[in-house]
Amino acid sequence: DLPVEVVVELGRTRMTIRQLAALDRDDVIDLERTNEDPLDIVVGGKVFARGEVVMQGDRMALRITEMVDDDRSGG
């Protein structure tokens, strides 16, 4: 029963600090992932599972669609 940080990663991109500082409200940042790709669920810095965003009433939730087998992922 140890607390761990769970991160749901929507995607990544590379930007310079100058580009980051120039961002304004309503700017859009392209991510290196399509809306078809599953989201990575990262625990302890490693991908633990993958999933998709779903709506539950007026709240966003995450449905796990795949558990990552550490032996097959090379880690």
Protein backbone atom coordinates (compact mmCIF):
# COMPACT_ATOMS: atom_id res chain seq x y z
CA ASP A 1 0.00 0.00 0.00
CA LEU A 2 2.56 2.55 -1.13
CA PRO A 3 1.37 5.73 -2.81
CA VAL A 4 2.65 6.16 -6.37
CA GLU A 5 2.27 8.88 -8.97
CA VAL A 6 0.16 7.84 -11.96
CA VAL A 7 0.55 9.93 -15.12
CA VAL A 8 -1.72 9.69 -18.16
CA GLU A 9 0.25 10.92 -21.14
CA LEU A 10 -1.73 12.44 -23.98
CA GLY A 11 1.35 12.98 -26.13
CA ARG A 12 4.67 14.78 -26.41
CA THR A 13 6.29 17.49 -28.44
CA ARG A 14 9.62 19.33 -28.48
CA MET A 15 9.72 23.10 -28.10
CA THR A 16 12.36 25.67 -27.36
CA ILE A 17 12.00 27.83 -24.27
CA ARG A 18 11.40 30.78 -26.61
CA GLN A 19 8.48 28.93 -28.26
CA LEU A 20 7.10 27.96 -24.86
CA ALA A 21 7.32 31.53 -23.56
CA ALA A 22 5.53 32.81 -26.67
CA LEU A 23 2.45 30.65 -26.06
CA ASP A 24 -0.78 32.50 -25.39
CA ARG A 25 -4.27 31.55 -24.32
CA ASP A 26 -6.07 29.43 -26.96
CA ASP A 27 -2.82 28.47 -28.73
CA VAL A 28 -2.76 24.88 -29.96
CA ILE A 29 0.26 22.60 -29.53
CA ASP A 30 0.56 19.66 -31.91
CA LEU A 31 1.42 16.39 -30.17
CA GLU A 32 3.27 13.42 -31.65
CA ARG A 33 0.18 11.23 -31.33
CA THR A 34 -3.10 10.90 -33.18
CA ASN A 35 -6.55 10.77 -31.59
CA GLU A 36 -6.65 7.07 -32.59
CA ASP A 37 -3.56 6.19 -30.52
CA PRO A 38 -4.09 4.86 -26.99
CA LEU A 39 -2.91 6.98 -24.05
CA ASP A 40 0.05 5.79 -22.00
CA ILE A 41 -0.52 5.22 -18.28
CA VAL A 42 2.87 5.75 -16.64
CA VAL A 43 3.69 4.56 -13.12
CA GLY A 44 7.12 5.07 -11.63
CA GLY A 45 8.46 6.35 -14.96
CA LYS A 46 7.45 3.19 -16.87
CA VAL A 47 4.45 2.52 -19.11
CA PHE A 48 2.15 0.31 -17.02
CA ALA A 49 -0.93 0.21 -19.26
CA ARG A 50 -2.67 1.95 -22.14
CA GLY A 51 -6.18 3.32 -22.36
CA GLU A 52 -8.66 5.75 -23.81
CA VAL A 53 -10.55 8.78 -22.54
CA VAL A 54 -14.24 8.24 -21.84
CA MET A 55 -16.91 10.52 -20.40
CA GLN A 56 -18.80 9.56 -17.25
CA GLY A 57 -21.55 12.11 -16.89
CA ASP A 58 -19.79 15.48 -16.88
CA ARG A 59 -16.39 14.05 -15.89
CA MET A 60 -13.53 12.62 -17.93
CA ALA A 61 -12.33 9.14 -17.06
CA LEU A 62 -9.86 6.61 -18.41
CA ARG A 63 -10.73 3.14 -19.66
CA ILE A 64 -7.78 0.73 -19.54
CA THR A 65 -7.59 -1.16 -22.83
CA GLU A 66 -4.22 -2.90 -22.48
CA MET A 67 -1.88 -3.96 -19.69
CA VAL A 68 1.77 -3.71 -20.70
CA ASP A 69 3.80 -6.86 -20.13
CA ASP A 70 7.22 -5.66 -18.97
CA ASP A 71 8.94 -8.78 -20.39
CA ARG A 72 7.65 -8.12 -23.92
CA SER A 73 8.29 -4.36 -23.82
CA GLY A 74 11.99 -4.93 -23.32
CA GLY A 75 12.09 -3.32 -19.87
